[in-house]
Amino acid sequence: MSTEENKAIVRRFFEEGPSKGNLSIADELLSPDFALHVPLPASSGIKGINEVITACREAFEHLNVTVEDMIAEGNNVAARFTARGIHKGSFMGLPATGKPITMTGIEIFRIKDGKIIELWGEANLLGLMQQLGIIPVPGNQD
């Protein structure tokens, strides 16, 4: 597959999965051998990505994930994203605050035979905790 086709798969994953909560897209876009590497508690494989998507959508009302940049080389696609929502449910054991959030992150996808076979994700969880008031912002004396 071309790098443009691989980027289209990743863009569709973000649009359908995290932004719309369409968990059935996993069967279409992810390999049965899918491996997930993210800094959140989750099962392995497709079950794990569906757990992450479900947990985020339950925690953040009106969750929308925008792909800001994509770079592809060979079978790998890197995507820089921004997630926005309102903290209306528990997240990682933290009770809802009602605060709006904007969180950035980068995910690297490996594509094989037209399916996502691996995902490595890093998100600015420190910035998120600061927005929610869980961790103070350095230098902020509020």
N, C-alpha and C. Protein backbone atom coordinates (compact mmCIF):
# COMPACT_ATOMS: atom_id res chain seq x y z
N MET A 1 0.84 -1.19 0.00
CA MET A 1 0.00 0.00 0.00
C MET A 1 0.88 1.24 0.00
N SER A 2 0.36 2.30 -0.58
CA SER A 2 1.10 3.56 -0.62
C SER A 2 1.04 4.27 0.73
N THR A 3 1.94 5.22 0.94
CA THR A 3 1.90 5.99 2.19
C THR A 3 0.60 6.77 2.29
N GLU A 4 0.07 7.26 1.17
CA GLU A 4 -1.20 7.99 1.21
C GLU A 4 -2.36 7.08 1.61
N GLU A 5 -2.35 5.84 1.16
CA GLU A 5 -3.39 4.87 1.56
C GLU A 5 -3.26 4.56 3.05
N ASN A 6 -2.03 4.42 3.53
CA ASN A 6 -1.81 4.17 4.96
C ASN A 6 -2.29 5.35 5.80
N LYS A 7 -2.01 6.57 5.36
CA LYS A 7 -2.47 7.75 6.08
C LYS A 7 -4.00 7.81 6.11
N ALA A 8 -4.64 7.42 5.02
CA ALA A 8 -6.11 7.42 4.98
C ALA A 8 -6.69 6.43 5.99
N ILE A 9 -6.05 5.30 6.17
CA ILE A 9 -6.49 4.32 7.17
C ILE A 9 -6.41 4.92 8.57
N VAL A 10 -5.29 5.57 8.87
CA VAL A 10 -5.09 6.17 10.20
C VAL A 10 -6.09 7.31 10.43
N ARG A 11 -6.28 8.16 9.43
CA ARG A 11 -7.24 9.26 9.57
C ARG A 11 -8.64 8.72 9.85
N ARG A 12 -9.01 7.67 9.13
CA ARG A 12 -10.33 7.07 9.33
C ARG A 12 -10.45 6.48 10.73
N PHE A 13 -9.37 5.88 11.23
CA PHE A 13 -9.36 5.34 12.59
C PHE A 13 -9.70 6.44 13.59
N PHE A 14 -9.02 7.60 13.49
CA PHE A 14 -9.27 8.71 14.42
C PHE A 14 -10.70 9.23 14.28
N GLU A 15 -11.17 9.40 13.06
CA GLU A 15 -12.51 9.95 12.83
C GLU A 15 -13.61 9.03 13.34
N GLU A 16 -13.49 7.76 13.09
CA GLU A 16 -14.54 6.81 13.46
C GLU A 16 -14.42 6.31 14.90
N GLY A 17 -13.20 6.01 15.33
CA GLY A 17 -12.99 5.44 16.66
C GLY A 17 -13.12 6.47 17.77
N PRO A 18 -12.02 7.19 18.07
CA PRO A 18 -12.07 8.14 19.19
C PRO A 18 -13.11 9.25 19.03
N SER A 19 -13.26 9.82 17.83
CA SER A 19 -14.16 10.97 17.68
C SER A 19 -15.64 10.58 17.66
N LYS A 20 -15.97 9.45 17.05
CA LYS A 20 -17.39 9.05 16.95
C LYS A 20 -17.77 7.90 17.87
N GLY A 21 -16.79 7.20 18.41
CA GLY A 21 -17.08 6.07 19.29
C GLY A 21 -17.55 4.83 18.56
N ASN A 22 -17.26 4.74 17.28
CA ASN A 22 -17.67 3.59 16.47
C ASN A 22 -16.68 2.45 16.70
N LEU A 23 -16.99 1.56 17.64
CA LEU A 23 -16.08 0.47 17.98
C LEU A 23 -16.02 -0.60 16.90
N SER A 24 -17.03 -0.69 16.06
CA SER A 24 -17.03 -1.71 15.01
C SER A 24 -15.97 -1.42 13.95
N ILE A 25 -15.46 -0.18 13.93
CA ILE A 25 -14.42 0.15 12.95
C ILE A 25 -13.16 -0.65 13.20
N ALA A 26 -12.96 -1.10 14.45
CA ALA A 26 -11.78 -1.89 14.77
C ALA A 26 -11.72 -3.17 13.93
N ASP A 27 -12.85 -3.80 13.73
CA ASP A 27 -12.86 -5.03 12.93
C ASP A 27 -12.46 -4.77 11.48
N GLU A 28 -12.75 -3.58 11.00
CA GLU A 28 -12.43 -3.23 9.63
C GLU A 28 -10.99 -2.75 9.45
N LEU A 29 -10.50 -1.94 10.40
CA LEU A 29 -9.20 -1.29 10.22
C LEU A 29 -8.05 -1.94 10.97
N LEU A 30 -8.32 -2.75 11.98
CA LEU A 30 -7.26 -3.34 12.79
C LEU A 30 -7.07 -4.81 12.45
N SER A 31 -5.82 -5.23 12.46
CA SER A 31 -5.47 -6.63 12.23
C SER A 31 -5.90 -7.47 13.44
N PRO A 32 -6.25 -8.73 13.22
CA PRO A 32 -6.54 -9.60 14.37
C PRO A 32 -5.34 -9.73 15.31
N ASP A 33 -4.14 -9.46 14.79
CA ASP A 33 -2.92 -9.53 15.59
C ASP A 33 -2.51 -8.17 16.15
N PHE A 34 -3.42 -7.22 16.17
CA PHE A 34 -3.17 -5.85 16.61
C PHE A 34 -2.52 -5.83 18.00
N ALA A 35 -1.47 -4.98 18.14
CA ALA A 35 -0.79 -4.78 19.43
C ALA A 35 -0.90 -3.31 19.81
N LEU A 36 -1.23 -3.06 21.07
CA LEU A 36 -1.46 -1.71 21.58
C LEU A 36 -0.40 -1.38 22.63
N HIS A 37 0.22 -0.21 22.49
CA HIS A 37 1.23 0.27 23.44
C HIS A 37 0.87 1.70 23.82
N VAL A 38 0.13 1.89 24.90
CA VAL A 38 -0.29 3.22 25.35
C VAL A 38 -0.11 3.33 26.86
N PRO A 39 0.00 4.57 27.39
CA PRO A 39 0.22 4.76 28.82
C PRO A 39 -1.09 4.74 29.64
N LEU A 40 -2.03 3.93 29.23
CA LEU A 40 -3.30 3.80 29.94
C LEU A 40 -3.55 2.32 30.23
N PRO A 41 -4.25 2.02 31.31
CA PRO A 41 -4.56 0.62 31.59
C PRO A 41 -5.53 0.07 30.54
N ALA A 42 -5.14 -1.03 29.90
CA ALA A 42 -6.00 -1.62 28.87
C ALA A 42 -5.56 -3.06 28.62
N SER A 43 -6.50 -3.86 28.18
CA SER A 43 -6.20 -5.22 27.76
C SER A 43 -5.35 -5.16 26.50
N SER A 44 -4.91 -6.29 26.04
CA SER A 44 -4.15 -6.32 24.80
C SER A 44 -5.09 -6.40 23.61
N GLY A 45 -4.55 -6.10 22.44
CA GLY A 45 -5.26 -6.28 21.18
C GLY A 45 -6.41 -5.32 20.95
N ILE A 46 -7.30 -5.76 20.07
CA ILE A 46 -8.47 -4.95 19.70
C ILE A 46 -9.33 -4.65 20.92
N LYS A 47 -9.45 -5.60 21.81
CA LYS A 47 -10.23 -5.37 23.04
C LYS A 47 -9.66 -4.16 23.80
N GLY A 48 -8.34 -4.05 23.85
CA GLY A 48 -7.70 -2.95 24.57
C GLY A 48 -7.98 -1.59 23.96
N ILE A 49 -7.89 -1.48 22.64
CA ILE A 49 -8.16 -0.18 22.01
C ILE A 49 -9.62 0.20 22.20
N ASN A 50 -10.51 -0.77 22.15
CA ASN A 50 -11.92 -0.47 22.39
C ASN A 50 -12.16 -0.03 23.83
N GLU A 51 -11.41 -0.60 24.78
CA GLU A 51 -11.51 -0.16 26.18
C GLU A 51 -11.04 1.28 26.33
N VAL A 52 -9.93 1.62 25.68
CA VAL A 52 -9.39 2.98 25.76
C VAL A 52 -10.38 3.98 25.15
N ILE A 53 -10.89 3.66 23.97
CA ILE A 53 -11.85 4.56 23.32
C ILE A 53 -13.09 4.74 24.18
N THR A 54 -13.62 3.63 24.70
CA THR A 54 -14.82 3.70 25.54
C THR A 54 -14.57 4.52 26.80
N ALA A 55 -13.45 4.27 27.48
CA ALA A 55 -13.13 5.00 28.71
C ALA A 55 -13.00 6.50 28.45
N CYS A 56 -12.34 6.86 27.36
CA CYS A 56 -12.16 8.28 27.04
C CYS A 56 -13.48 8.94 26.68
N ARG A 57 -14.30 8.25 25.92
CA ARG A 57 -15.59 8.84 25.52
C ARG A 57 -16.55 8.94 26.70
N GLU A 58 -16.45 8.02 27.66
CA GLU A 58 -17.29 8.11 28.87
C GLU A 58 -16.80 9.23 29.78
N ALA A 59 -15.50 9.46 29.81
CA ALA A 59 -14.93 10.49 30.70
C ALA A 59 -15.07 11.89 30.13
N PHE A 60 -14.99 12.01 28.79
CA PHE A 60 -14.96 13.34 28.17
C PHE A 60 -16.12 13.51 27.20
N GLU A 61 -17.12 14.26 27.65
CA GLU A 61 -18.29 14.55 26.82
C GLU A 61 -17.85 15.37 25.61
N HIS A 62 -18.53 15.15 24.50
CA HIS A 62 -18.24 15.86 23.25
C HIS A 62 -16.79 15.66 22.79
N LEU A 63 -16.21 14.49 23.10
CA LEU A 63 -14.83 14.23 22.72
C LEU A 63 -14.68 14.30 21.21
N ASN A 64 -13.70 15.09 20.78
CA ASN A 64 -13.36 15.17 19.37
C ASN A 64 -11.85 15.16 19.26
N VAL A 65 -11.35 14.30 18.38
CA VAL A 65 -9.92 14.17 18.18
C VAL A 65 -9.59 14.65 16.76
N THR A 66 -8.75 15.66 16.68
CA THR A 66 -8.36 16.24 15.41
C THR A 66 -6.92 15.85 15.09
N VAL A 67 -6.72 15.31 13.90
CA VAL A 67 -5.36 15.02 13.45
C VAL A 67 -4.76 16.33 12.94
N GLU A 68 -3.68 16.75 13.56
CA GLU A 68 -3.03 18.01 13.21
C GLU A 68 -1.98 17.82 12.11
N ASP A 69 -1.23 16.74 12.21
CA ASP A 69 -0.17 16.44 11.25
C ASP A 69 -0.05 14.93 11.09
N MET A 70 0.36 14.51 9.90
CA MET A 70 0.66 13.11 9.65
C MET A 70 1.91 13.02 8.80
N ILE A 71 2.76 12.09 9.17
CA ILE A 71 3.96 11.80 8.39
C ILE A 71 3.99 10.30 8.19
N ALA A 72 4.24 9.88 6.96
CA ALA A 72 4.28 8.44 6.67
C ALA A 72 5.56 8.09 5.94
N GLU A 73 6.09 6.95 6.32
CA GLU A 73 7.25 6.39 5.63
C GLU A 73 7.09 4.88 5.66
N GLY A 74 7.14 4.28 4.48
CA GLY A 74 6.97 2.83 4.41
C GLY A 74 5.63 2.42 5.00
N ASN A 75 5.66 1.52 5.95
CA ASN A 75 4.44 1.01 6.59
C ASN A 75 4.09 1.74 7.89
N ASN A 76 4.82 2.80 8.21
CA ASN A 76 4.58 3.53 9.45
C ASN A 76 3.94 4.88 9.17
N VAL A 77 3.00 5.25 10.04
CA VAL A 77 2.35 6.55 9.98
C VAL A 77 2.41 7.16 11.38
N ALA A 78 2.94 8.38 11.48
CA ALA A 78 2.95 9.12 12.73
C ALA A 78 1.88 10.21 12.64
N ALA A 79 1.07 10.32 13.68
CA ALA A 79 0.00 11.32 13.70
C ALA A 79 0.09 12.13 14.99
N ARG A 80 0.13 13.45 14.83
CA ARG A 80 0.04 14.36 15.98
C ARG A 80 -1.41 14.79 16.08
N PHE A 81 -1.99 14.66 17.27
CA PHE A 81 -3.42 14.94 17.42
C PHE A 81 -3.70 15.88 18.59
N THR A 82 -4.89 16.45 18.56
CA THR A 82 -5.42 17.23 19.67
C THR A 82 -6.79 16.68 20.01
N ALA A 83 -6.99 16.35 21.28
CA ALA A 83 -8.28 15.87 21.77
C ALA A 83 -8.92 16.97 22.61
N ARG A 84 -10.21 17.19 22.37
CA ARG A 84 -10.96 18.21 23.12
C ARG A 84 -12.25 17.60 23.64
N GLY A 85 -12.63 18.03 24.83
CA GLY A 85 -13.88 17.55 25.41
C GLY A 85 -14.12 18.23 26.74
N ILE A 86 -15.11 17.72 27.45
CA ILE A 86 -15.45 18.24 28.78
C ILE A 86 -15.43 17.06 29.74
N HIS A 87 -14.68 17.22 30.83
CA HIS A 87 -14.49 16.13 31.79
C HIS A 87 -15.78 15.91 32.60
N LYS A 88 -16.62 15.00 32.08
CA LYS A 88 -17.93 14.76 32.70
C LYS A 88 -18.05 13.39 33.36
N GLY A 89 -17.00 12.58 33.29
CA GLY A 89 -17.04 11.25 33.89
C GLY A 89 -15.69 10.90 34.49
N SER A 90 -15.64 9.83 35.24
CA SER A 90 -14.40 9.39 35.87
C SER A 90 -13.35 9.04 34.81
N PHE A 91 -12.10 9.43 35.06
CA PHE A 91 -11.00 9.10 34.16
C PHE A 91 -9.80 8.69 35.00
N MET A 92 -9.34 7.48 34.81
CA MET A 92 -8.21 6.93 35.55
C MET A 92 -8.42 7.10 37.06
N GLY A 93 -9.65 6.90 37.50
CA GLY A 93 -9.99 7.01 38.90
C GLY A 93 -10.25 8.42 39.40
N LEU A 94 -10.15 9.41 38.52
CA LEU A 94 -10.37 10.79 38.91
C LEU A 94 -11.82 11.17 38.66
N PRO A 95 -12.52 11.69 39.66
CA PRO A 95 -13.92 12.06 39.45
C PRO A 95 -14.05 13.24 38.48
N ALA A 96 -15.21 13.35 37.87
CA ALA A 96 -15.49 14.41 36.90
C ALA A 96 -15.30 15.78 37.54
N THR A 97 -14.75 16.71 36.75
CA THR A 97 -14.55 18.08 37.22
C THR A 97 -15.45 19.06 36.48
N GLY A 98 -15.99 18.65 35.34
CA GLY A 98 -16.79 19.55 34.52
C GLY A 98 -15.95 20.53 33.71
N LYS A 99 -14.63 20.41 33.78
CA LYS A 99 -13.74 21.34 33.08
C LYS A 99 -13.52 20.92 31.63
N PRO A 100 -13.37 21.91 30.75
CA PRO A 100 -13.00 21.59 29.37
C PRO A 100 -11.53 21.19 29.32
N ILE A 101 -11.20 20.31 28.40
CA ILE A 101 -9.81 19.87 28.26
C ILE A 101 -9.37 19.98 26.80
N THR A 102 -8.09 20.19 26.65
CA THR A 102 -7.42 20.11 25.36
C THR A 102 -6.14 19.35 25.61
N MET A 103 -6.02 18.17 25.01
CA MET A 103 -4.86 17.33 25.23
C MET A 103 -4.21 16.99 23.89
N THR A 104 -2.90 17.06 23.86
CA THR A 104 -2.18 16.72 22.65
C THR A 104 -1.47 15.38 22.82
N GLY A 105 -1.14 14.78 21.69
CA GLY A 105 -0.42 13.52 21.72
C GLY A 105 0.09 13.14 20.36
N ILE A 106 0.88 12.09 20.34
CA ILE A 106 1.42 11.55 19.10
C ILE A 106 1.24 10.04 19.13
N GLU A 107 0.78 9.49 18.03
CA GLU A 107 0.65 8.05 17.90
C GLU A 107 1.36 7.61 16.63
N ILE A 108 2.02 6.48 16.73
CA ILE A 108 2.69 5.88 15.58
C ILE A 108 2.01 4.56 15.28
N PHE A 109 1.59 4.41 14.05
CA PHE A 109 0.87 3.22 13.61
C PHE A 109 1.74 2.44 12.64
N ARG A 110 1.69 1.12 12.74
CA ARG A 110 2.33 0.27 11.74
C ARG A 110 1.22 -0.44 10.98
N ILE A 111 1.28 -0.36 9.67
CA ILE A 111 0.26 -0.93 8.79
C ILE A 111 0.83 -2.18 8.12
N LYS A 112 0.04 -3.23 8.05
CA LYS A 112 0.43 -4.45 7.35
C LYS A 112 -0.78 -5.00 6.61
N ASP A 113 -0.62 -5.20 5.33
CA ASP A 113 -1.70 -5.74 4.50
C ASP A 113 -2.99 -4.93 4.61
N GLY A 114 -2.86 -3.60 4.68
CA GLY A 114 -4.01 -2.73 4.71
C GLY A 114 -4.72 -2.62 6.05
N LYS A 115 -4.09 -3.15 7.11
CA LYS A 115 -4.68 -3.09 8.46
C LYS A 115 -3.66 -2.53 9.44
N ILE A 116 -4.16 -1.88 10.47
CA ILE A 116 -3.28 -1.40 11.54
C ILE A 116 -2.91 -2.61 12.40
N ILE A 117 -1.62 -2.90 12.48
CA ILE A 117 -1.18 -4.06 13.25
C ILE A 117 -0.56 -3.65 14.59
N GLU A 118 -0.13 -2.38 14.68
CA GLU A 118 0.50 -1.94 15.91
C GLU A 118 0.30 -0.44 16.09
N LEU A 119 0.12 -0.02 17.34
CA LEU A 119 -0.06 1.39 17.68
C LEU A 119 0.75 1.69 18.93
N TRP A 120 1.60 2.71 18.84
CA TRP A 120 2.33 3.23 19.99
C TRP A 120 1.79 4.63 20.24
N GLY A 121 1.32 4.90 21.45
CA GLY A 121 0.74 6.20 21.74
C GLY A 121 1.36 6.88 22.94
N GLU A 122 1.54 8.17 22.82
CA GLU A 122 1.99 9.02 23.92
C GLU A 122 1.09 10.25 23.95
N ALA A 123 0.58 10.57 25.12
CA ALA A 123 -0.30 11.73 25.27
C ALA A 123 0.22 12.59 26.42
N ASN A 124 -0.09 13.87 26.36
CA ASN A 124 0.33 14.81 27.39
C ASN A 124 -0.59 14.67 28.61
N LEU A 125 -0.41 13.58 29.35
CA LEU A 125 -1.25 13.35 30.53
C LEU A 125 -0.92 14.31 31.66
N LEU A 126 0.33 14.78 31.75
CA LEU A 126 0.68 15.78 32.76
C LEU A 126 -0.11 17.07 32.50
N GLY A 127 -0.12 17.52 31.25
CA GLY A 127 -0.90 18.72 30.91
C GLY A 127 -2.37 18.54 31.20
N LEU A 128 -2.89 17.34 30.93
CA LEU A 128 -4.29 17.05 31.22
C LEU A 128 -4.56 17.15 32.72
N MET A 129 -3.70 16.56 33.54
CA MET A 129 -3.89 16.61 34.99
C MET A 129 -3.80 18.04 35.51
N GLN A 130 -2.95 18.86 34.88
CA GLN A 130 -2.87 20.27 35.27
C GLN A 130 -4.15 21.00 34.91
N GLN A 131 -4.72 20.72 33.74
CA GLN A 131 -5.98 21.36 33.33
C GLN A 131 -7.11 20.99 34.28
N LEU A 132 -7.09 19.75 34.77
CA LEU A 132 -8.15 19.28 35.66
C LEU A 132 -7.92 19.71 37.11
N GLY A 133 -6.77 20.35 37.39
CA GLY A 133 -6.49 20.82 38.75
C GLY A 133 -5.98 19.74 39.67
N ILE A 134 -5.59 18.60 39.12
CA ILE A 134 -5.09 17.48 39.94
C ILE A 134 -3.63 17.73 40.31
N ILE A 135 -2.86 18.28 39.38
CA ILE A 135 -1.44 18.59 39.59
C ILE A 135 -1.28 20.08 39.35
N PRO A 136 -0.63 20.77 40.28
CA PRO A 136 -0.47 22.23 40.08
C PRO A 136 0.47 22.55 38.92
N VAL A 137 0.21 23.69 38.31
CA VAL A 137 1.07 24.20 37.25
C VAL A 137 2.25 24.88 37.94
N PRO A 138 3.50 24.53 37.59
CA PRO A 138 4.65 25.17 38.24
C PRO A 138 4.58 26.70 38.10
N GLY A 139 4.89 27.38 39.21
CA GLY A 139 4.89 28.84 39.22
C GLY A 139 3.52 29.46 39.40
N ASN A 140 2.47 28.64 39.35
CA ASN A 140 1.10 29.15 39.52
C ASN A 140 0.77 29.11 41.01
N GLN A 141 0.53 30.26 41.60
CA GLN A 141 0.28 30.35 43.05
C GLN A 141 -1.19 30.48 43.39
N ASP A 142 -2.08 29.99 42.53
CA ASP A 142 -3.53 30.11 42.78
C ASP A 142 -3.94 29.39 44.02
